[in-house]
Amino acid sequence: MEKTDLVTLSHPRSPAAEAYRALRVNLTFASLDKSLETLVVSTPEVEPAKSHVAANLAIVMAQAEQRVVLVDADLRRPHLHELFGCPSEPGLTSVILNREAQRELPLVETGIPGLQLLPSGALPPNPADILGSRKMEQVLAALKERADVVILDTPPVTVAMDAAVLAAKTDGLLLVVRSGHTRRDAITQAKELLERGRVRLLGAVLTDAPEGKLLTGY
């Protein structure tokens, strides 16, 4: 996947785009016992592809006539505003730090029917504290009222506690693994951290795999 390429839009009939649609279906089956309303996308190590995975997954869910809100909860290296060509502020931190703003979420229309984006907002000095706060729970509740699915892009699991802290408040986490690059020990460490945090691991997304094997791991 090219760095700036939202493949589900630019090449909707490609094997990669079809793999994202398969991922959407797999997540549906993985959540038969419990409705999947909030989902965190993360990775064991620093890997820009996680934001592309979150964005493309959000697109195919919206194309399936779901109301989707994509949230840039990577308050260290936000990237989604660049993918969608919009300002990073106002955004998530604006809502959390301003109680009144929770009544009118600064959601950005992406131009894709059914898909809205909540950018990161200004970057705070204490991301984990903000994402683990009571106000973050209130923001999640407000977002769920506006969407069928809320997808949150977060920092890597082993780099910061942000992903585990936030995922514990959601219905599960999807781990992005890059074929030939992500270290096995990092994957193991990430799984252990998530287990300790009692986070529901929904599955793994394998990127940069040989054609026909992209987005597997269920």
N, C-alpha and C. Protein backbone atom coordinates (compact mmCIF):
# COMPACT_ATOMS: atom_id res chain seq x y z
N MET A 1 0.84 -1.19 0.00
CA MET A 1 0.00 0.00 0.00
C MET A 1 0.88 1.24 0.00
N GLU A 2 0.63 2.16 -0.91
CA GLU A 2 1.39 3.40 -0.93
C GLU A 2 1.04 4.23 0.30
N LYS A 3 1.98 5.04 0.72
CA LYS A 3 1.82 5.79 1.97
C LYS A 3 0.55 6.63 1.99
N THR A 4 0.25 7.29 0.89
CA THR A 4 -0.90 8.20 0.88
C THR A 4 -2.11 7.60 0.17
N ASP A 5 -2.11 6.32 -0.06
CA ASP A 5 -3.13 5.72 -0.90
C ASP A 5 -4.24 5.10 -0.06
N LEU A 6 -5.47 5.58 -0.27
CA LEU A 6 -6.63 4.92 0.30
C LEU A 6 -7.14 3.99 -0.78
N VAL A 7 -6.65 2.78 -0.76
CA VAL A 7 -6.81 1.85 -1.88
C VAL A 7 -8.27 1.50 -2.13
N THR A 8 -9.09 1.54 -1.08
CA THR A 8 -10.51 1.22 -1.25
C THR A 8 -11.24 2.28 -2.07
N LEU A 9 -10.63 3.47 -2.20
CA LEU A 9 -11.19 4.52 -3.04
C LEU A 9 -10.52 4.56 -4.41
N SER A 10 -9.19 4.48 -4.41
CA SER A 10 -8.45 4.64 -5.67
C SER A 10 -8.50 3.39 -6.54
N HIS A 11 -8.54 2.21 -5.91
CA HIS A 11 -8.58 0.95 -6.66
C HIS A 11 -9.60 0.01 -6.02
N PRO A 12 -10.88 0.36 -6.12
CA PRO A 12 -11.91 -0.40 -5.40
C PRO A 12 -12.08 -1.85 -5.85
N ARG A 13 -11.57 -2.19 -7.04
CA ARG A 13 -11.70 -3.57 -7.51
C ARG A 13 -10.41 -4.37 -7.34
N SER A 14 -9.44 -3.80 -6.68
CA SER A 14 -8.15 -4.46 -6.50
C SER A 14 -8.23 -5.55 -5.44
N PRO A 15 -7.29 -6.51 -5.45
CA PRO A 15 -7.26 -7.54 -4.40
C PRO A 15 -7.14 -6.93 -3.00
N ALA A 16 -6.40 -5.83 -2.87
CA ALA A 16 -6.25 -5.20 -1.56
C ALA A 16 -7.59 -4.65 -1.06
N ALA A 17 -8.34 -3.99 -1.94
CA ALA A 17 -9.64 -3.46 -1.55
C ALA A 17 -10.59 -4.59 -1.18
N GLU A 18 -10.53 -5.67 -1.94
CA GLU A 18 -11.38 -6.83 -1.64
C GLU A 18 -11.00 -7.43 -0.29
N ALA A 19 -9.71 -7.40 0.03
CA ALA A 19 -9.26 -7.93 1.32
C ALA A 19 -9.83 -7.10 2.48
N TYR A 20 -9.96 -5.79 2.28
CA TYR A 20 -10.57 -4.96 3.32
C TYR A 20 -12.04 -5.29 3.50
N ARG A 21 -12.71 -5.59 2.40
CA ARG A 21 -14.12 -5.99 2.51
C ARG A 21 -14.23 -7.34 3.23
N ALA A 22 -13.27 -8.23 2.99
CA ALA A 22 -13.25 -9.51 3.70
C ALA A 22 -13.00 -9.29 5.19
N LEU A 23 -12.13 -8.33 5.49
CA LEU A 23 -11.86 -8.00 6.89
C LEU A 23 -13.13 -7.50 7.57
N ARG A 24 -13.88 -6.65 6.87
CA ARG A 24 -15.15 -6.16 7.42
C ARG A 24 -16.09 -7.32 7.75
N VAL A 25 -16.18 -8.28 6.85
CA VAL A 25 -17.04 -9.44 7.08
C VAL A 25 -16.52 -10.27 8.25
N ASN A 26 -15.20 -10.46 8.31
CA ASN A 26 -14.62 -11.24 9.41
C ASN A 26 -14.92 -10.60 10.76
N LEU A 27 -14.86 -9.29 10.81
CA LEU A 27 -15.16 -8.60 12.06
C LEU A 27 -16.62 -8.77 12.45
N THR A 28 -17.48 -8.83 11.46
CA THR A 28 -18.90 -9.07 11.73
C THR A 28 -19.10 -10.43 12.38
N PHE A 29 -18.43 -11.45 11.86
CA PHE A 29 -18.55 -12.78 12.43
C PHE A 29 -17.88 -12.88 13.79
N ALA A 30 -16.80 -12.10 13.98
CA ALA A 30 -16.08 -12.13 15.25
C ALA A 30 -16.89 -11.48 16.36
N SER A 31 -17.91 -10.72 15.99
CA SER A 31 -18.69 -9.98 16.99
C SER A 31 -20.14 -10.45 17.07
N LEU A 32 -20.39 -11.71 16.71
CA LEU A 32 -21.76 -12.22 16.74
C LEU A 32 -22.32 -12.23 18.16
N ASP A 33 -21.46 -12.53 19.15
CA ASP A 33 -21.93 -12.61 20.53
C ASP A 33 -22.09 -11.23 21.17
N LYS A 34 -21.35 -10.26 20.65
CA LYS A 34 -21.40 -8.91 21.20
C LYS A 34 -21.26 -7.90 20.08
N SER A 35 -22.19 -6.99 20.00
CA SER A 35 -22.17 -5.99 18.94
C SER A 35 -20.88 -5.19 18.96
N LEU A 36 -20.27 -5.02 17.80
CA LEU A 36 -19.01 -4.28 17.69
C LEU A 36 -19.32 -2.82 17.35
N GLU A 37 -19.34 -1.99 18.39
CA GLU A 37 -19.67 -0.57 18.21
C GLU A 37 -18.45 0.33 18.28
N THR A 38 -17.43 -0.08 19.01
CA THR A 38 -16.21 0.70 19.15
C THR A 38 -15.01 -0.21 18.96
N LEU A 39 -14.07 0.22 18.14
CA LEU A 39 -12.95 -0.62 17.73
C LEU A 39 -11.66 0.19 17.69
N VAL A 40 -10.62 -0.30 18.33
CA VAL A 40 -9.31 0.34 18.30
C VAL A 40 -8.43 -0.37 17.29
N VAL A 41 -7.69 0.40 16.50
CA VAL A 41 -6.70 -0.15 15.57
C VAL A 41 -5.33 0.29 16.05
N SER A 42 -4.44 -0.68 16.27
CA SER A 42 -3.10 -0.37 16.74
C SER A 42 -2.11 -1.33 16.12
N THR A 43 -0.87 -1.26 16.56
CA THR A 43 0.20 -2.09 16.03
C THR A 43 1.21 -2.34 17.14
N PRO A 44 1.99 -3.42 17.07
CA PRO A 44 2.97 -3.66 18.13
C PRO A 44 4.06 -2.59 18.18
N GLU A 45 4.55 -2.17 17.01
CA GLU A 45 5.63 -1.19 16.92
C GLU A 45 5.19 -0.02 16.05
N VAL A 46 6.07 0.98 15.93
CA VAL A 46 5.77 2.12 15.07
C VAL A 46 5.59 1.63 13.64
N GLU A 47 4.41 1.89 13.08
CA GLU A 47 4.08 1.40 11.74
C GLU A 47 3.00 2.30 11.13
N PRO A 48 3.39 3.17 10.18
CA PRO A 48 2.42 4.09 9.58
C PRO A 48 1.22 3.40 8.95
N ALA A 49 1.36 2.14 8.55
CA ALA A 49 0.27 1.43 7.86
C ALA A 49 -0.97 1.29 8.73
N LYS A 50 -0.84 1.41 10.05
CA LYS A 50 -2.02 1.24 10.90
C LYS A 50 -3.08 2.28 10.60
N SER A 51 -2.66 3.50 10.31
CA SER A 51 -3.62 4.56 9.99
C SER A 51 -4.30 4.28 8.66
N HIS A 52 -3.56 3.72 7.70
CA HIS A 52 -4.16 3.35 6.42
C HIS A 52 -5.18 2.22 6.61
N VAL A 53 -4.85 1.27 7.48
CA VAL A 53 -5.78 0.17 7.76
C VAL A 53 -7.05 0.72 8.39
N ALA A 54 -6.90 1.59 9.39
CA ALA A 54 -8.06 2.17 10.06
C ALA A 54 -8.93 2.93 9.06
N ALA A 55 -8.29 3.72 8.19
CA ALA A 55 -9.03 4.53 7.23
C ALA A 55 -9.74 3.67 6.19
N ASN A 56 -9.05 2.69 5.63
CA ASN A 56 -9.66 1.83 4.61
C ASN A 56 -10.76 0.96 5.19
N LEU A 57 -10.58 0.50 6.42
CA LEU A 57 -11.64 -0.27 7.07
C LEU A 57 -12.87 0.60 7.29
N ALA A 58 -12.66 1.83 7.72
CA ALA A 58 -13.77 2.75 7.92
C ALA A 58 -14.51 3.00 6.60
N ILE A 59 -13.76 3.12 5.51
CA ILE A 59 -14.38 3.37 4.20
C ILE A 59 -15.26 2.21 3.78
N VAL A 60 -14.76 0.96 3.88
CA VAL A 60 -15.57 -0.18 3.42
C VAL A 60 -16.77 -0.39 4.33
N MET A 61 -16.66 -0.04 5.61
CA MET A 61 -17.83 -0.13 6.49
C MET A 61 -18.88 0.90 6.08
N ALA A 62 -18.43 2.10 5.74
CA ALA A 62 -19.37 3.13 5.29
C ALA A 62 -20.00 2.74 3.96
N GLN A 63 -19.21 2.11 3.09
CA GLN A 63 -19.74 1.66 1.81
C GLN A 63 -20.78 0.56 1.98
N ALA A 64 -20.75 -0.11 3.13
CA ALA A 64 -21.75 -1.13 3.45
C ALA A 64 -22.96 -0.53 4.15
N GLU A 65 -23.09 0.79 4.04
CA GLU A 65 -24.23 1.55 4.56
C GLU A 65 -24.28 1.58 6.08
N GLN A 66 -23.11 1.58 6.70
CA GLN A 66 -23.03 1.81 8.13
C GLN A 66 -22.63 3.26 8.36
N ARG A 67 -23.12 3.80 9.47
CA ARG A 67 -22.67 5.14 9.88
C ARG A 67 -21.39 4.97 10.68
N VAL A 68 -20.30 5.55 10.18
CA VAL A 68 -18.99 5.32 10.77
C VAL A 68 -18.35 6.66 11.16
N VAL A 69 -17.76 6.68 12.37
CA VAL A 69 -16.92 7.80 12.78
C VAL A 69 -15.51 7.26 12.98
N LEU A 70 -14.57 7.84 12.28
CA LEU A 70 -13.16 7.49 12.38
C LEU A 70 -12.48 8.53 13.26
N VAL A 71 -11.82 8.08 14.33
CA VAL A 71 -11.24 8.99 15.31
C VAL A 71 -9.73 8.87 15.31
N ASP A 72 -9.04 10.00 15.19
CA ASP A 72 -7.58 9.97 15.32
C ASP A 72 -7.24 10.12 16.79
N ALA A 73 -7.08 8.97 17.47
CA ALA A 73 -6.73 8.96 18.88
C ALA A 73 -5.23 8.73 19.07
N ASP A 74 -4.46 8.90 17.99
CA ASP A 74 -3.00 8.88 18.12
C ASP A 74 -2.59 10.30 18.45
N LEU A 75 -2.49 10.58 19.73
CA LEU A 75 -2.20 11.93 20.19
C LEU A 75 -0.71 12.19 20.29
N ARG A 76 0.07 11.33 19.62
CA ARG A 76 1.52 11.50 19.55
C ARG A 76 1.97 11.78 18.12
N ARG A 77 1.47 10.98 17.18
CA ARG A 77 1.79 11.18 15.77
C ARG A 77 0.52 11.01 14.93
N PRO A 78 -0.39 11.96 15.00
CA PRO A 78 -1.64 11.83 14.23
C PRO A 78 -1.38 11.89 12.73
N HIS A 79 -2.17 11.11 11.99
CA HIS A 79 -1.92 11.01 10.55
C HIS A 79 -3.20 11.08 9.72
N LEU A 80 -4.34 10.80 10.35
CA LEU A 80 -5.58 10.70 9.58
C LEU A 80 -5.98 12.01 8.91
N HIS A 81 -5.70 13.15 9.55
CA HIS A 81 -6.06 14.42 8.92
C HIS A 81 -5.29 14.63 7.62
N GLU A 82 -4.07 14.07 7.54
CA GLU A 82 -3.30 14.16 6.31
C GLU A 82 -3.90 13.28 5.22
N LEU A 83 -4.35 12.09 5.60
CA LEU A 83 -4.95 11.18 4.63
C LEU A 83 -6.22 11.78 4.01
N PHE A 84 -6.98 12.49 4.83
CA PHE A 84 -8.25 13.03 4.34
C PHE A 84 -8.16 14.51 3.97
N GLY A 85 -6.97 15.09 4.10
CA GLY A 85 -6.76 16.46 3.65
C GLY A 85 -7.57 17.49 4.41
N CYS A 86 -7.52 17.43 5.74
CA CYS A 86 -8.25 18.40 6.56
C CYS A 86 -7.37 18.86 7.71
N PRO A 87 -7.72 19.95 8.39
CA PRO A 87 -6.94 20.40 9.56
C PRO A 87 -7.02 19.39 10.70
N SER A 88 -6.00 19.39 11.55
CA SER A 88 -5.99 18.49 12.71
C SER A 88 -6.76 19.07 13.89
N GLU A 89 -7.05 20.37 13.84
CA GLU A 89 -7.79 21.04 14.91
C GLU A 89 -8.98 21.79 14.32
N PRO A 90 -10.08 21.85 15.06
CA PRO A 90 -10.35 21.21 16.35
C PRO A 90 -10.56 19.71 16.17
N GLY A 91 -10.47 19.01 17.30
CA GLY A 91 -10.60 17.56 17.22
C GLY A 91 -10.86 16.93 18.57
N LEU A 92 -10.33 15.74 18.78
CA LEU A 92 -10.62 14.95 19.98
C LEU A 92 -10.23 15.67 21.26
N THR A 93 -9.01 16.22 21.30
CA THR A 93 -8.60 16.89 22.54
C THR A 93 -9.41 18.15 22.79
N SER A 94 -9.87 18.79 21.74
CA SER A 94 -10.72 19.98 21.91
C SER A 94 -11.99 19.60 22.66
N VAL A 95 -12.54 18.45 22.31
CA VAL A 95 -13.78 17.99 22.94
C VAL A 95 -13.54 17.59 24.39
N ILE A 96 -12.45 16.87 24.64
CA ILE A 96 -12.18 16.38 25.99
C ILE A 96 -11.88 17.53 26.96
N LEU A 97 -11.15 18.53 26.47
CA LEU A 97 -10.74 19.62 27.35
C LEU A 97 -11.80 20.70 27.49
N ASN A 98 -12.83 20.66 26.64
CA ASN A 98 -13.91 21.65 26.69
C ASN A 98 -15.24 20.94 26.83
N ARG A 99 -15.79 20.95 28.01
CA ARG A 99 -17.03 20.21 28.28
C ARG A 99 -18.16 20.63 27.33
N GLU A 100 -18.25 21.92 27.04
CA GLU A 100 -19.32 22.40 26.18
C GLU A 100 -19.21 21.84 24.77
N ALA A 101 -17.96 21.58 24.32
CA ALA A 101 -17.75 21.10 22.96
C ALA A 101 -18.33 19.71 22.75
N GLN A 102 -18.56 18.97 23.83
CA GLN A 102 -19.10 17.62 23.70
C GLN A 102 -20.51 17.64 23.11
N ARG A 103 -21.18 18.79 23.21
CA ARG A 103 -22.53 18.88 22.67
C ARG A 103 -22.51 19.00 21.15
N GLU A 104 -21.41 19.57 20.63
CA GLU A 104 -21.27 19.73 19.19
C GLU A 104 -19.89 19.21 18.78
N LEU A 105 -19.82 17.93 18.49
CA LEU A 105 -18.55 17.30 18.14
C LEU A 105 -18.04 17.88 16.82
N PRO A 106 -16.75 18.24 16.74
CA PRO A 106 -16.19 18.82 15.51
C PRO A 106 -15.89 17.75 14.46
N LEU A 107 -16.94 17.06 14.02
CA LEU A 107 -16.76 15.99 13.04
C LEU A 107 -16.58 16.58 11.64
N VAL A 108 -15.67 16.00 10.89
CA VAL A 108 -15.35 16.46 9.54
C VAL A 108 -16.01 15.54 8.52
N GLU A 109 -16.71 16.10 7.57
CA GLU A 109 -17.29 15.31 6.48
C GLU A 109 -16.17 14.91 5.52
N THR A 110 -16.04 13.64 5.25
CA THR A 110 -14.93 13.14 4.42
C THR A 110 -15.25 13.15 2.94
N GLY A 111 -16.51 13.37 2.59
CA GLY A 111 -16.91 13.25 1.19
C GLY A 111 -17.35 11.85 0.84
N ILE A 112 -17.20 10.92 1.80
CA ILE A 112 -17.63 9.54 1.63
C ILE A 112 -18.93 9.38 2.40
N PRO A 113 -20.03 9.05 1.73
CA PRO A 113 -21.32 8.92 2.43
C PRO A 113 -21.23 7.98 3.63
N GLY A 114 -21.67 8.47 4.77
CA GLY A 114 -21.68 7.64 5.97
C GLY A 114 -20.42 7.70 6.81
N LEU A 115 -19.37 8.37 6.33
CA LEU A 115 -18.09 8.40 7.06
C LEU A 115 -17.73 9.81 7.48
N GLN A 116 -17.56 10.00 8.78
CA GLN A 116 -17.09 11.26 9.34
C GLN A 116 -15.78 11.03 10.09
N LEU A 117 -14.97 12.08 10.18
CA LEU A 117 -13.67 12.00 10.84
C LEU A 117 -13.62 12.96 12.03
N LEU A 118 -13.11 12.47 13.16
CA LEU A 118 -12.79 13.34 14.29
C LEU A 118 -11.27 13.39 14.38
N PRO A 119 -10.65 14.50 13.95
CA PRO A 119 -9.19 14.60 13.99
C PRO A 119 -8.67 14.57 15.43
N SER A 120 -7.37 14.63 15.57
CA SER A 120 -6.75 14.51 16.89
C SER A 120 -6.96 15.74 17.76
N GLY A 121 -6.94 16.92 17.15
CA GLY A 121 -6.91 18.13 17.95
C GLY A 121 -5.47 18.42 18.36
N ALA A 122 -5.28 19.44 19.19
CA ALA A 122 -3.94 19.80 19.66
C ALA A 122 -3.34 18.65 20.46
N LEU A 123 -2.03 18.43 20.29
CA LEU A 123 -1.38 17.31 20.97
C LEU A 123 -1.08 17.67 22.43
N PRO A 124 -1.52 16.84 23.37
CA PRO A 124 -1.34 17.13 24.79
C PRO A 124 -0.03 16.54 25.33
N PRO A 125 0.41 16.97 26.51
CA PRO A 125 1.62 16.41 27.12
C PRO A 125 1.37 15.06 27.79
N ASN A 126 0.11 14.72 28.00
CA ASN A 126 -0.24 13.50 28.74
C ASN A 126 -1.30 12.68 28.01
N PRO A 127 -1.01 12.12 26.83
CA PRO A 127 -2.03 11.41 26.04
C PRO A 127 -2.72 10.27 26.78
N ALA A 128 -1.96 9.43 27.49
CA ALA A 128 -2.55 8.28 28.15
C ALA A 128 -3.57 8.71 29.21
N ASP A 129 -3.25 9.78 29.95
CA ASP A 129 -4.17 10.27 30.97
C ASP A 129 -5.47 10.76 30.34
N ILE A 130 -5.35 11.45 29.22
CA ILE A 130 -6.54 11.97 28.54
C ILE A 130 -7.39 10.84 27.99
N LEU A 131 -6.76 9.86 27.35
CA LEU A 131 -7.52 8.75 26.75
C LEU A 131 -8.14 7.84 27.81
N GLY A 132 -7.55 7.82 28.99
CA GLY A 132 -8.09 6.99 30.07
C GLY A 132 -9.05 7.71 30.98
N SER A 133 -9.36 8.95 30.66
CA SER A 133 -10.17 9.78 31.54
C SER A 133 -11.66 9.48 31.43
N ARG A 134 -12.39 9.96 32.42
CA ARG A 134 -13.85 9.85 32.42
C ARG A 134 -14.43 10.63 31.25
N LYS A 135 -13.81 11.75 30.92
CA LYS A 135 -14.30 12.56 29.80
C LYS A 135 -14.20 11.80 28.48
N MET A 136 -13.16 10.98 28.35
CA MET A 136 -13.02 10.18 27.14
C MET A 136 -14.18 9.20 27.03
N GLU A 137 -14.59 8.64 28.13
CA GLU A 137 -15.75 7.74 28.13
C GLU A 137 -17.00 8.49 27.68
N GLN A 138 -17.14 9.73 28.10
CA GLN A 138 -18.28 10.53 27.70
C GLN A 138 -18.25 10.85 26.21
N VAL A 139 -17.04 11.10 25.69
CA VAL A 139 -16.91 11.35 24.26
C VAL A 139 -17.28 10.10 23.47
N LEU A 140 -16.81 8.94 23.92
CA LEU A 140 -17.16 7.68 23.25
C LEU A 140 -18.67 7.48 23.23
N ALA A 141 -19.31 7.76 24.35
CA ALA A 141 -20.76 7.61 24.42
C ALA A 141 -21.45 8.56 23.43
N ALA A 142 -20.94 9.78 23.32
CA ALA A 142 -21.52 10.74 22.39
C ALA A 142 -21.32 10.31 20.94
N LEU A 143 -20.15 9.74 20.65
CA LEU A 143 -19.86 9.27 19.29
C LEU A 143 -20.75 8.09 18.92
N LYS A 144 -20.99 7.20 19.88
CA LYS A 144 -21.83 6.03 19.62
C LYS A 144 -23.27 6.42 19.29
N GLU A 145 -23.69 7.56 19.79
CA GLU A 145 -25.04 8.04 19.47
C GLU A 145 -25.14 8.49 18.02
N ARG A 146 -24.00 8.80 17.42
CA ARG A 146 -23.97 9.34 16.07
C ARG A 146 -23.53 8.33 15.02
N ALA A 147 -23.15 7.13 15.46
CA ALA A 147 -22.58 6.16 14.51
C ALA A 147 -22.96 4.74 14.88
N ASP A 148 -22.91 3.88 13.87
CA ASP A 148 -23.06 2.44 14.12
C ASP A 148 -21.74 1.85 14.59
N VAL A 149 -20.63 2.40 14.07
CA VAL A 149 -19.30 1.93 14.42
C VAL A 149 -18.36 3.12 14.61
N VAL A 150 -17.59 3.09 15.70
CA VAL A 150 -16.56 4.10 15.95
C VAL A 150 -15.20 3.40 15.89
N ILE A 151 -14.33 3.84 14.97
CA ILE A 151 -13.00 3.25 14.80
C ILE A 151 -11.97 4.25 15.29
N LEU A 152 -11.09 3.81 16.20
CA LEU A 152 -10.11 4.71 16.79
C LEU A 152 -8.69 4.27 16.44
N ASP A 153 -7.95 5.15 15.82
CA ASP A 153 -6.54 4.91 15.47
C ASP A 153 -5.69 5.36 16.65
N THR A 154 -4.81 4.49 17.16
CA THR A 154 -4.03 4.80 18.36
C THR A 154 -2.54 4.55 18.13
N PRO A 155 -1.69 5.01 19.07
CA PRO A 155 -0.25 4.73 18.97
C PRO A 155 0.03 3.23 19.14
N PRO A 156 1.26 2.80 18.82
CA PRO A 156 1.63 1.38 18.98
C PRO A 156 1.48 0.91 20.43
N VAL A 157 1.13 -0.35 20.60
CA VAL A 157 0.87 -0.91 21.93
C VAL A 157 2.11 -0.90 22.81
N THR A 158 3.28 -1.24 22.24
CA THR A 158 4.49 -1.37 23.06
C THR A 158 5.21 -0.04 23.26
N VAL A 159 4.80 0.99 22.55
CA VAL A 159 5.47 2.29 22.65
C VAL A 159 4.87 3.14 23.75
N ALA A 160 3.56 3.04 23.93
CA ALA A 160 2.86 3.84 24.94
C ALA A 160 1.66 3.06 25.44
N MET A 161 1.15 3.47 26.58
CA MET A 161 0.00 2.80 27.18
C MET A 161 -1.32 3.24 26.56
N ASP A 162 -1.27 4.22 25.68
CA ASP A 162 -2.48 4.82 25.12
C ASP A 162 -3.44 3.79 24.55
N ALA A 163 -2.92 2.89 23.69
CA ALA A 163 -3.77 1.93 23.00
C ALA A 163 -4.48 1.01 23.98
N ALA A 164 -3.73 0.45 24.94
CA ALA A 164 -4.32 -0.48 25.90
C ALA A 164 -5.33 0.22 26.80
N VAL A 165 -5.00 1.44 27.22
CA VAL A 165 -5.89 2.20 28.09
C VAL A 165 -7.21 2.49 27.39
N LEU A 166 -7.13 2.90 26.13
CA LEU A 166 -8.35 3.23 25.39
C LEU A 166 -9.11 1.98 24.98
N ALA A 167 -8.38 0.94 24.56
CA ALA A 167 -9.03 -0.29 24.11
C ALA A 167 -9.84 -0.94 25.23
N ALA A 168 -9.40 -0.75 26.46
CA ALA A 168 -10.13 -1.32 27.60
C ALA A 168 -11.52 -0.71 27.74
N LYS A 169 -11.74 0.44 27.10
CA LYS A 169 -13.04 1.11 27.15
C LYS A 169 -13.89 0.78 25.93
N THR A 170 -13.36 -0.04 25.02
CA THR A 170 -14.05 -0.32 23.76
C THR A 170 -14.39 -1.81 23.65
N ASP A 171 -14.92 -2.17 22.49
CA ASP A 171 -15.33 -3.57 22.27
C ASP A 171 -14.20 -4.45 21.78
N GLY A 172 -13.03 -3.89 21.52
CA GLY A 172 -11.92 -4.72 21.11
C GLY A 172 -10.85 -3.97 20.34
N LEU A 173 -9.74 -4.67 20.08
CA LEU A 173 -8.60 -4.08 19.38
C LEU A 173 -8.18 -4.96 18.23
N LEU A 174 -7.86 -4.32 17.12
CA LEU A 174 -7.36 -4.98 15.92
C LEU A 174 -5.88 -4.63 15.79
N LEU A 175 -5.03 -5.65 15.73
CA LEU A 175 -3.58 -5.45 15.72
C LEU A 175 -3.06 -5.53 14.30
N VAL A 176 -2.36 -4.48 13.86
CA VAL A 176 -1.79 -4.43 12.51
C VAL A 176 -0.35 -4.92 12.55
N VAL A 177 -0.05 -5.94 11.75
CA VAL A 177 1.28 -6.54 11.70
C VAL A 177 1.80 -6.45 10.27
N ARG A 178 3.01 -5.97 10.10
CA ARG A 178 3.59 -5.82 8.77
C ARG A 178 4.48 -7.01 8.45
N SER A 179 4.13 -7.72 7.40
CA SER A 179 4.87 -8.92 7.00
C SER A 179 6.34 -8.60 6.71
N GLY A 180 7.22 -9.35 7.34
CA GLY A 180 8.64 -9.19 7.11
C GLY A 180 9.29 -8.05 7.86
N HIS A 181 8.51 -7.30 8.65
CA HIS A 181 9.06 -6.15 9.36
C HIS A 181 8.77 -6.18 10.86
N THR A 182 7.53 -6.46 11.25
CA THR A 182 7.19 -6.46 12.66
C THR A 182 7.88 -7.63 13.36
N ARG A 183 8.61 -7.33 14.43
CA ARG A 183 9.35 -8.36 15.15
C ARG A 183 8.41 -9.26 15.95
N ARG A 184 8.75 -10.55 15.98
CA ARG A 184 7.92 -11.51 16.72
C ARG A 184 7.87 -11.17 18.20
N ASP A 185 9.00 -10.73 18.77
CA ASP A 185 9.00 -10.42 20.20
C ASP A 185 8.12 -9.21 20.50
N ALA A 186 8.01 -8.31 19.54
CA ALA A 186 7.13 -7.15 19.73
C ALA A 186 5.67 -7.59 19.71
N ILE A 187 5.34 -8.54 18.84
CA ILE A 187 3.97 -9.07 18.79
C ILE A 187 3.63 -9.76 20.11
N THR A 188 4.57 -10.57 20.60
CA THR A 188 4.36 -11.27 21.87
C THR A 188 4.18 -10.28 23.01
N GLN A 189 5.04 -9.27 23.05
CA GLN A 189 4.95 -8.26 24.10
C GLN A 189 3.62 -7.52 24.04
N ALA A 190 3.18 -7.19 22.83
CA ALA A 190 1.91 -6.48 22.67
C ALA A 190 0.75 -7.33 23.18
N LYS A 191 0.74 -8.61 22.82
CA LYS A 191 -0.33 -9.50 23.27
C LYS A 191 -0.35 -9.61 24.79
N GLU A 192 0.82 -9.68 25.41
CA GLU A 192 0.90 -9.78 26.87
C GLU A 192 0.36 -8.51 27.52
N LEU A 193 0.73 -7.36 26.97
CA LEU A 193 0.24 -6.09 27.52
C LEU A 193 -1.28 -5.99 27.41
N LEU A 194 -1.82 -6.43 26.28
CA LEU A 194 -3.26 -6.37 26.08
C LEU A 194 -3.99 -7.34 27.00
N GLU A 195 -3.41 -8.51 27.20
CA GLU A 195 -4.02 -9.49 28.11
C GLU A 195 -4.05 -8.96 29.54
N ARG A 196 -2.95 -8.31 29.95
CA ARG A 196 -2.90 -7.76 31.30
C ARG A 196 -3.93 -6.65 31.47
N GLY A 197 -4.18 -5.93 30.39
CA GLY A 197 -5.17 -4.86 30.45
C GLY A 197 -6.58 -5.35 30.20
N ARG A 198 -6.74 -6.67 30.04
CA ARG A 198 -8.04 -7.30 29.79
C ARG A 198 -8.72 -6.71 28.55
N VAL A 199 -7.89 -6.51 27.54
CA VAL A 199 -8.38 -6.00 26.27
C VAL A 199 -8.76 -7.17 25.37
N ARG A 200 -9.89 -7.06 24.72
CA ARG A 200 -10.34 -8.09 23.79
C ARG A 200 -9.60 -7.93 22.46
N LEU A 201 -8.77 -8.91 22.12
CA LEU A 201 -8.03 -8.88 20.86
C LEU A 201 -8.88 -9.54 19.79
N LEU A 202 -9.33 -8.74 18.83
CA LEU A 202 -10.23 -9.24 17.80
C LEU A 202 -9.53 -10.04 16.72
N GLY A 203 -8.26 -9.74 16.49
CA GLY A 203 -7.52 -10.44 15.45
C GLY A 203 -6.34 -9.60 15.01
N ALA A 204 -5.63 -10.11 14.00
CA ALA A 204 -4.46 -9.41 13.47
C ALA A 204 -4.65 -9.16 11.99
N VAL A 205 -4.18 -8.00 11.55
CA VAL A 205 -4.22 -7.63 10.14
C VAL A 205 -2.79 -7.71 9.61
N LEU A 206 -2.57 -8.53 8.61
CA LEU A 206 -1.24 -8.69 8.02
C LEU A 206 -1.14 -7.85 6.77
N THR A 207 -0.24 -6.88 6.78
CA THR A 207 -0.03 -6.01 5.62
C THR A 207 1.29 -6.34 4.93
N ASP A 208 1.41 -5.88 3.70
CA ASP A 208 2.61 -6.14 2.87
C ASP A 208 2.85 -7.62 2.68
N ALA A 209 1.78 -8.40 2.71
CA ALA A 209 1.89 -9.85 2.50
C ALA A 209 1.79 -10.13 1.00
N PRO A 210 2.20 -11.34 0.56
CA PRO A 210 2.01 -11.71 -0.84
C PRO A 210 0.55 -11.58 -1.23
N GLU A 211 0.30 -11.25 -2.49
CA GLU A 211 -1.07 -11.07 -2.95
C GLU A 211 -1.91 -12.30 -2.65
N GLY A 212 -3.10 -12.06 -2.14
CA GLY A 212 -3.99 -13.15 -1.78
C GLY A 212 -3.92 -13.47 -0.29
N LYS A 213 -2.91 -12.90 0.40
CA LYS A 213 -2.79 -13.18 1.83
C LYS A 213 -2.87 -11.91 2.66
N LEU A 214 -3.17 -10.79 2.03
CA LEU A 214 -3.27 -9.51 2.74
C LEU A 214 -4.47 -9.53 3.68
N LEU A 215 -4.25 -8.96 4.85
CA LEU A 215 -5.32 -8.83 5.84
C LEU A 215 -5.87 -10.19 6.26
N THR A 216 -4.99 -10.99 6.82
CA THR A 216 -5.38 -12.29 7.35
C THR A 216 -5.06 -12.33 8.83
N GLY A 217 -5.27 -13.48 9.46
CA GLY A 217 -4.89 -13.61 10.84
C GLY A 217 -6.05 -13.92 11.76
N TYR A 218 -7.21 -14.23 11.21
CA TYR A 218 -8.36 -14.58 12.04
C TYR A 218 -8.42 -16.07 12.26
